Amino acid sequence: MPRRTVTMLASTLMLIALLCAGVFINVPYSEMSPGPTVNTLGQAKGEPVLRISGRKTYPTSGHLNMTTVRVTGADYKMNLVEAVYGWLAHDSVVVPHDTLYPDGKTEEESTQENAEEFSQSQESAKTAALRELDIPVQTRVVVSTVLKNKPAEGKLHAGDVIKAVDGTAVKAPEDVAKLVGKHKPTQKVVFTIVPAKDAAAAEKAGKEPVGSEDIAITTEKAGDDGRALVGIQAGPDHTFPFTIDIKLADVGGPSAGLMFSLGIVDKLTPGSLTGGRFVAGTGTIDEDGKVGPIGGIEMKTVGARNAGAEYFLTPAENCASAAADIPDGLTLVKVKTIDDARKSLEKIREGDTARLPQCTTG
């Protein structure tokens, strides 16, 4: 057999062996790619994303799209060939598996956590939007979570309204930890609460709950620092003066907060925030309207541009990363608060785009 033929045959066999090895060798990586975008002013699966009742609303136009990222599941085993292809592809990012699923978190656990964050982001978006419009929002402190095998289990329940701790009125979630922290382990702490069922019944009837009860709980030691705990997480619960429903399935995480809040503002105010333009964006939002950073910004800008967006509202802390690779035809607008976003939308609406605060790599 000629030497050239032998060399070609050996090279071909080696290439086949390498490809086979690449297919069967798993690597500890996961892939992120652009996910779908949804217009918060429009519909998803035939239903309005935002539905407001009990308050006058106004027609809207254009787009205020929230953006998403697709990720491979926690249990998916990426092989070497897929990882190399992902590294070479422009519209995907390959990252260490632990970046997306730290501490061995399962896909089910991650999905549950994302669902909880998504639910909380909706409440924050509603609160931020109404406060931006100077519409009063009543806030109370509730039991968000009761930890298993801790002193509060069976005594306090998720949704219980915390009125006071040891007779001191509670005004914010952090007050609860401070008041419990004044105790030493094994000491009793008294919670004055309105049970969740009573609070829910009163809210449904449009009334303030009447009556409360005192629950005594013996604290225990938290870790090595000697702090006392009862095993709950306190959080805010808001009562809105009218109904705001956000319906969007198969989405998780907190990053849609900004776009939800802007959609609510647009529906509650005359005129169009966008002036009919296609604006997308991302960012967490807190109850005071501050915009926070998110993950996967590069994938979200690509997804937004693919959907037709001209402008992308970008959290200030994500600006440098996003500006490193801006999709053609997309303008990245830097925002720190919901008020920043509204002012930028006003510039877009009026065609004054030269004065937009744009993202830079610096």
Protein backbone atom coordinates (compact mmCIF):
# COMPACT_ATOMS: atom_id res chain seq x y z
CA MET A 1 0.00 0.00 0.00
CA PRO A 2 1.49 3.41 -0.97
CA ARG A 3 2.82 5.52 1.90
CA ARG A 4 0.44 8.43 1.07
CA THR A 5 -2.57 6.09 1.26
CA VAL A 6 -1.40 4.69 4.59
CA THR A 7 -0.93 8.20 5.97
CA MET A 8 -4.40 9.31 4.82
CA LEU A 9 -6.02 6.17 6.25
CA ALA A 10 -4.25 6.59 9.58
CA SER A 11 -5.22 10.27 9.75
CA THR A 12 -8.85 9.44 8.94
CA LEU A 13 -8.97 6.75 11.59
CA MET A 14 -7.41 9.10 14.14
CA LEU A 15 -9.94 11.81 13.27
CA ILE A 16 -12.81 9.36 13.68
CA ALA A 17 -11.38 8.23 17.01
CA LEU A 18 -11.10 11.83 18.22
CA LEU A 19 -14.66 12.62 17.15
CA CYS A 20 -15.95 9.52 18.91
CA ALA A 21 -14.00 10.43 22.02
CA GLY A 22 -15.39 13.98 21.86
CA VAL A 23 -18.96 12.65 21.69
CA PHE A 24 -18.54 10.27 24.60
CA ILE A 25 -16.37 12.44 26.87
CA ASN A 26 -18.51 14.59 29.17
CA VAL A 27 -17.20 17.97 30.34
CA PRO A 28 -18.33 20.05 33.36
CA TYR A 29 -19.81 22.88 31.33
CA SER A 30 -23.24 24.27 30.46
CA GLU A 31 -24.44 26.47 27.63
CA MET A 32 -26.31 29.78 27.63
CA SER A 33 -28.06 31.06 24.49
CA PRO A 34 -30.62 33.77 23.65
CA GLY A 35 -34.13 32.93 24.83
CA PRO A 36 -37.47 34.33 23.69
CA THR A 37 -38.49 37.92 24.35
CA VAL A 38 -42.00 38.94 25.44
CA ASN A 39 -43.70 42.31 25.04
CA THR A 40 -45.01 43.26 28.49
CA LEU A 41 -47.55 45.50 26.74
CA GLY A 42 -48.84 42.63 24.64
CA GLN A 43 -50.01 39.05 24.98
CA ALA A 44 -48.42 35.69 25.68
CA LYS A 45 -50.24 32.50 24.70
CA GLY A 46 -53.40 34.48 23.99
CA GLU A 47 -53.59 36.33 27.32
CA PRO A 48 -52.45 39.83 28.28
CA VAL A 49 -49.12 39.78 30.09
CA LEU A 50 -50.32 42.67 32.27
CA ARG A 51 -53.95 42.97 33.28
CA ILE A 52 -55.07 45.86 35.51
CA SER A 53 -58.57 46.10 36.95
CA GLY A 54 -60.15 48.60 39.34
CA ARG A 55 -58.21 51.54 37.90
CA LYS A 56 -58.42 53.50 34.66
CA THR A 57 -55.89 52.34 32.05
CA TYR A 58 -54.76 53.86 28.76
CA PRO A 59 -53.92 52.46 25.30
CA THR A 60 -50.27 51.62 24.67
CA SER A 61 -48.17 51.18 21.55
CA GLY A 62 -44.78 49.84 20.61
CA HIS A 63 -42.79 47.30 22.60
CA LEU A 64 -41.38 47.04 26.10
CA ASN A 65 -39.92 43.56 25.80
CA MET A 66 -38.47 41.54 28.64
CA THR A 67 -35.68 39.21 27.59
CA THR A 68 -34.64 35.71 28.65
CA VAL A 69 -31.73 33.30 28.42
CA ARG A 70 -31.91 29.59 27.60
CA VAL A 71 -29.63 27.33 29.63
CA THR A 72 -28.92 23.64 29.50
CA GLY A 73 -30.48 21.68 32.35
CA ALA A 74 -28.60 20.78 35.53
CA ASP A 75 -28.76 17.09 34.68
CA TYR A 76 -27.66 17.50 31.07
CA LYS A 77 -24.16 16.17 30.38
CA MET A 78 -22.44 18.27 27.74
CA ASN A 79 -19.87 16.45 25.65
CA LEU A 80 -16.58 17.83 24.37
CA VAL A 81 -17.82 18.37 20.80
CA GLU A 82 -20.81 20.42 22.03
CA ALA A 83 -18.56 22.49 24.28
CA VAL A 84 -16.14 23.30 21.44
CA TYR A 85 -19.02 24.19 19.12
CA GLY A 86 -20.50 26.45 21.81
CA TRP A 87 -17.16 28.20 22.37
CA LEU A 88 -16.89 28.92 18.63
CA ALA A 89 -20.50 30.02 18.16
CA HIS A 90 -21.22 33.75 18.31
CA ASP A 91 -24.71 33.48 19.77
CA SER A 92 -24.01 31.20 22.74
CA VAL A 93 -21.72 31.09 25.76
CA VAL A 94 -20.22 28.02 27.41
CA VAL A 95 -19.68 28.46 31.16
CA PRO A 96 -18.65 26.15 34.02
CA HIS A 97 -21.61 24.05 35.15
CA ASP A 98 -21.20 25.27 38.74
CA THR A 99 -21.76 28.85 37.60
CA LEU A 100 -25.38 28.05 36.78
CA TYR A 101 -25.95 25.31 39.34
CA PRO A 102 -23.77 25.99 42.41
CA ASP A 103 -23.45 23.59 45.34
CA GLY A 104 -24.71 20.64 43.34
CA LYS A 105 -28.15 22.19 42.93
CA THR A 106 -30.55 19.99 40.98
CA GLU A 107 -32.63 21.22 38.04
CA GLU A 108 -35.78 20.90 40.16
CA GLU A 109 -34.27 22.99 42.96
CA SER A 110 -33.07 25.60 40.49
CA THR A 111 -36.50 25.78 38.83
CA GLN A 112 -38.20 26.24 42.21
CA GLU A 113 -35.75 28.97 43.22
CA ASN A 114 -36.23 30.76 39.90
CA ALA A 115 -40.02 30.57 40.30
CA GLU A 116 -39.80 32.14 43.76
CA GLU A 117 -37.52 34.91 42.49
CA PHE A 118 -39.87 35.55 39.57
CA SER A 119 -42.84 35.85 41.92
CA GLN A 120 -40.96 38.25 44.19
CA SER A 121 -39.82 40.33 41.21
CA GLN A 122 -43.45 40.79 40.17
CA GLU A 123 -44.35 42.17 43.59
CA SER A 124 -41.34 44.50 43.54
CA ALA A 125 -42.23 45.64 40.01
CA LYS A 126 -45.80 46.48 41.04
CA THR A 127 -44.61 48.39 44.10
CA ALA A 128 -41.90 50.28 42.20
CA ALA A 129 -44.33 51.26 39.43
CA LEU A 130 -47.00 52.56 41.80
CA ARG A 131 -44.50 54.45 43.92
CA GLU A 132 -43.07 55.99 40.76
CA LEU A 133 -46.59 57.29 40.06
CA ASP A 134 -47.12 58.39 43.69
CA ILE A 135 -49.90 55.84 44.17
CA PRO A 136 -49.97 54.71 47.83
CA VAL A 137 -48.97 51.11 48.55
CA GLN A 138 -49.56 49.56 51.96
CA THR A 139 -46.73 47.37 53.20
CA ARG A 140 -46.68 44.89 56.06
CA VAL A 141 -44.13 42.38 57.34
CA VAL A 142 -44.97 38.70 56.97
CA VAL A 143 -43.37 35.32 57.54
CA SER A 144 -41.93 34.40 54.14
CA THR A 145 -40.39 31.05 55.03
CA VAL A 146 -40.36 28.72 58.03
CA LEU A 147 -37.26 26.54 58.13
CA LYS A 148 -37.62 22.84 58.82
CA ASN A 149 -36.58 21.45 62.18
CA LYS A 150 -36.26 24.91 63.69
CA PRO A 151 -38.06 26.34 66.76
CA ALA A 152 -40.70 28.24 64.74
CA GLU A 153 -41.85 25.16 62.81
CA GLY A 154 -45.49 24.45 63.62
CA LYS A 155 -45.89 27.75 65.49
CA LEU A 156 -45.47 30.30 62.73
CA HIS A 157 -46.58 29.82 59.14
CA ALA A 158 -45.82 31.44 55.79
CA GLY A 159 -48.12 34.43 55.33
CA ASP A 160 -48.54 35.21 59.05
CA VAL A 161 -48.42 38.97 59.54
CA ILE A 162 -45.81 39.99 62.13
CA LYS A 163 -47.14 42.96 64.07
CA ALA A 164 -44.55 43.05 66.86
CA VAL A 165 -41.68 41.15 68.50
CA ASP A 166 -41.54 41.32 72.31
CA GLY A 167 -44.05 44.15 72.17
CA THR A 168 -41.96 46.29 69.83
CA ALA A 169 -43.79 47.16 66.60
CA VAL A 170 -42.24 45.76 63.43
CA LYS A 171 -42.06 48.12 60.46
CA ALA A 172 -39.58 46.39 58.16
CA PRO A 173 -38.41 42.78 57.64
CA GLU A 174 -34.96 43.54 59.03
CA ASP A 175 -36.54 44.63 62.32
CA VAL A 176 -37.46 41.01 63.05
CA ALA A 177 -33.87 39.73 62.91
CA LYS A 178 -32.64 42.66 65.02
CA LEU A 179 -35.22 42.06 67.74
CA VAL A 180 -34.69 38.30 67.81
CA GLY A 181 -30.92 38.91 67.85
CA LYS A 182 -31.20 40.74 71.15
CA HIS A 183 -31.88 37.39 72.81
CA LYS A 184 -29.48 34.67 73.77
CA PRO A 185 -30.05 31.08 72.62
CA THR A 186 -32.68 29.20 74.71
CA GLN A 187 -34.44 32.43 75.68
CA LYS A 188 -38.08 32.98 74.74
CA VAL A 189 -39.14 35.56 72.17
CA VAL A 190 -42.80 36.58 71.72
CA PHE A 191 -44.23 37.21 68.25
CA THR A 192 -47.48 39.14 67.93
CA ILE A 193 -49.06 37.95 64.70
CA VAL A 194 -52.20 37.92 62.61
CA PRO A 195 -52.55 34.35 61.26
CA ALA A 196 -52.24 34.07 57.49
CA LYS A 197 -55.81 32.84 57.00
CA ASP A 198 -57.25 35.79 58.95
CA ALA A 199 -55.08 38.29 57.09
CA ALA A 200 -56.11 36.80 53.72
CA ALA A 201 -59.81 36.86 54.64
CA ALA A 202 -59.60 40.49 55.73
CA GLU A 203 -57.75 41.50 52.55
CA LYS A 204 -60.35 39.75 50.38
CA ALA A 205 -63.08 41.68 52.20
CA GLY A 206 -61.17 44.93 51.79
CA LYS A 207 -60.78 45.38 55.53
CA GLU A 208 -57.98 45.54 58.05
CA PRO A 209 -57.57 42.30 60.05
CA VAL A 210 -59.06 42.48 63.53
CA GLY A 211 -57.30 40.86 66.46
CA SER A 212 -53.94 39.21 66.89
CA GLU A 213 -52.30 36.52 68.98
CA ASP A 214 -49.01 36.13 70.83
CA ILE A 215 -46.76 33.16 70.07
CA ALA A 216 -43.81 32.40 72.39
CA ILE A 217 -40.86 30.62 70.78
CA THR A 218 -37.64 29.44 72.42
CA THR A 219 -34.61 30.51 70.40
CA GLU A 220 -31.68 28.31 69.49
CA LYS A 221 -28.05 28.96 68.59
CA ALA A 222 -27.20 29.89 65.00
CA GLY A 223 -23.83 28.50 63.94
CA ASP A 224 -20.60 29.39 65.71
CA ASP A 225 -21.27 33.08 66.25
CA GLY A 226 -23.69 32.47 69.12
CA ARG A 227 -26.60 34.39 67.61
CA ALA A 228 -30.12 33.38 68.52
CA LEU A 229 -32.62 32.34 65.88
CA VAL A 230 -36.13 30.96 65.62
CA GLY A 231 -35.88 29.72 62.02
CA ILE A 232 -37.95 32.08 59.90
CA GLN A 233 -37.33 34.52 57.10
CA ALA A 234 -39.37 37.71 57.21
CA GLY A 235 -40.32 39.64 54.10
CA PRO A 236 -42.56 42.44 52.84
CA ASP A 237 -46.14 41.91 51.68
CA HIS A 238 -47.92 44.65 49.81
CA THR A 239 -51.56 45.60 49.51
CA PHE A 240 -52.33 47.45 46.30
CA PRO A 241 -55.30 49.79 45.83
CA PHE A 242 -56.35 47.89 42.69
CA THR A 243 -55.57 44.56 41.01
CA ILE A 244 -52.48 44.02 38.88
CA ASP A 245 -52.09 40.54 37.40
CA ILE A 246 -48.90 39.44 35.66
CA LYS A 247 -49.33 36.24 33.66
CA LEU A 248 -46.30 34.68 32.03
CA ALA A 249 -45.54 30.97 32.12
CA ASP A 250 -42.21 29.15 31.76
CA VAL A 251 -40.13 32.11 32.91
CA GLY A 252 -38.10 32.33 36.11
CA GLY A 253 -35.67 34.57 37.93
CA PRO A 254 -35.83 38.24 38.91
CA SER A 255 -34.48 39.94 35.77
CA ALA A 256 -37.84 40.97 34.24
CA GLY A 257 -38.62 43.36 37.10
CA LEU A 258 -37.69 46.58 35.29
CA MET A 259 -39.70 45.80 32.16
CA PHE A 260 -42.76 44.72 34.16
CA SER A 261 -42.68 47.96 36.13
CA LEU A 262 -42.41 50.07 32.95
CA GLY A 263 -45.29 48.14 31.38
CA ILE A 264 -47.45 48.91 34.42
CA VAL A 265 -46.50 52.60 34.31
CA ASP A 266 -47.32 52.76 30.59
CA LYS A 267 -50.78 51.27 31.10
CA LEU A 268 -51.57 53.62 34.00
CA THR A 269 -50.52 56.87 32.28
CA PRO A 270 -51.87 58.69 29.21
CA GLY A 271 -49.85 58.44 26.01
CA SER A 272 -47.22 55.91 25.03
CA LEU A 273 -43.91 55.56 26.86
CA THR A 274 -42.18 54.27 23.73
CA GLY A 275 -43.87 56.42 21.09
CA GLY A 276 -44.41 53.20 19.15
CA ARG A 277 -40.72 52.22 19.10
CA PHE A 278 -39.36 48.74 19.81
CA VAL A 279 -37.60 48.86 23.18
CA ALA A 280 -36.34 45.82 25.08
CA GLY A 281 -34.43 45.54 28.31
CA THR A 282 -33.62 43.70 31.48
CA GLY A 283 -32.78 44.30 35.12
CA THR A 284 -33.96 43.45 38.58
CA ILE A 285 -35.89 46.13 40.44
CA ASP A 286 -36.43 46.76 44.12
CA GLU A 287 -39.40 48.38 45.78
CA ASP A 288 -37.75 51.81 45.62
CA GLY A 289 -37.23 51.55 41.86
CA LYS A 290 -33.49 50.80 41.84
CA VAL A 291 -32.35 48.66 38.91
CA GLY A 292 -29.93 45.81 39.63
CA PRO A 293 -27.61 43.69 37.46
CA ILE A 294 -28.48 40.36 35.89
CA GLY A 295 -26.70 37.39 34.30
CA GLY A 296 -26.39 36.52 30.62
CA ILE A 297 -26.49 40.12 29.38
CA GLU A 298 -24.72 39.29 26.10
CA MET A 299 -27.34 36.66 25.27
CA LYS A 300 -30.18 39.02 26.09
CA THR A 301 -28.95 41.77 23.79
CA VAL A 302 -28.64 39.27 20.94
CA GLY A 303 -32.13 37.92 21.61
CA ALA A 304 -33.55 41.45 21.74
CA ARG A 305 -31.99 42.47 18.45
CA ASN A 306 -33.10 39.24 16.78
CA ALA A 307 -36.65 40.09 17.85
CA GLY A 308 -36.40 43.55 16.28
CA ALA A 309 -35.45 45.80 19.22
CA GLU A 310 -33.81 49.16 18.43
CA TYR A 311 -33.02 50.14 22.02
CA PHE A 312 -32.03 48.05 25.03
CA LEU A 313 -32.45 49.30 28.61
CA THR A 314 -29.31 48.01 30.36
CA PRO A 315 -28.56 47.94 34.10
CA ALA A 316 -25.62 50.25 34.78
CA GLU A 317 -23.60 47.43 36.35
CA ASN A 318 -23.97 45.33 33.18
CA CYS A 319 -23.05 48.13 30.78
CA ALA A 320 -19.35 47.34 30.34
CA SER A 321 -19.99 43.66 29.57
CA ALA A 322 -22.85 44.43 27.21
CA ALA A 323 -20.91 47.16 25.37
CA ALA A 324 -18.04 44.77 24.63
CA ASP A 325 -20.09 43.15 21.86
CA ILE A 326 -23.13 45.20 20.81
CA PRO A 327 -25.34 43.64 18.11
CA ASP A 328 -25.53 45.80 14.98
CA GLY A 329 -28.45 48.20 15.04
CA LEU A 330 -29.01 48.07 18.81
CA THR A 331 -28.46 51.05 21.13
CA LEU A 332 -27.65 50.18 24.74
CA VAL A 333 -29.23 52.66 27.17
CA LYS A 334 -27.76 52.85 30.67
CA VAL A 335 -30.28 52.89 33.53
CA LYS A 336 -29.92 52.91 37.31
CA THR A 337 -33.56 53.49 38.34
CA ILE A 338 -37.06 53.27 36.92
CA ASP A 339 -37.01 57.07 36.73
CA ASP A 340 -33.86 56.89 34.56
CA ALA A 341 -35.68 54.48 32.27
CA ARG A 342 -38.73 56.76 31.96
CA LYS A 343 -36.55 59.77 31.09
CA SER A 344 -34.69 57.75 28.45
CA LEU A 345 -37.97 56.52 26.98
CA GLU A 346 -39.09 60.14 26.76
CA LYS A 347 -35.96 60.96 24.72
CA ILE A 348 -36.60 57.97 22.46
CA ARG A 349 -40.24 58.98 22.03
CA GLU A 350 -39.28 62.55 21.11
CA GLY A 351 -36.42 61.52 18.83
CA ASP A 352 -33.80 63.09 21.10
CA THR A 353 -31.62 59.99 21.01
CA ALA A 354 -28.29 61.88 20.85
CA ARG A 355 -28.68 62.65 24.57
CA LEU A 356 -29.37 59.07 25.66
CA PRO A 357 -27.00 57.77 28.39
CA GLN A 358 -25.36 54.97 26.41
CA CYS A 359 -23.26 52.07 27.68
CA THR A 360 -19.52 52.08 27.13
CA THR A 361 -16.76 49.56 27.83
CA GLY A 362 -15.00 52.01 30.13
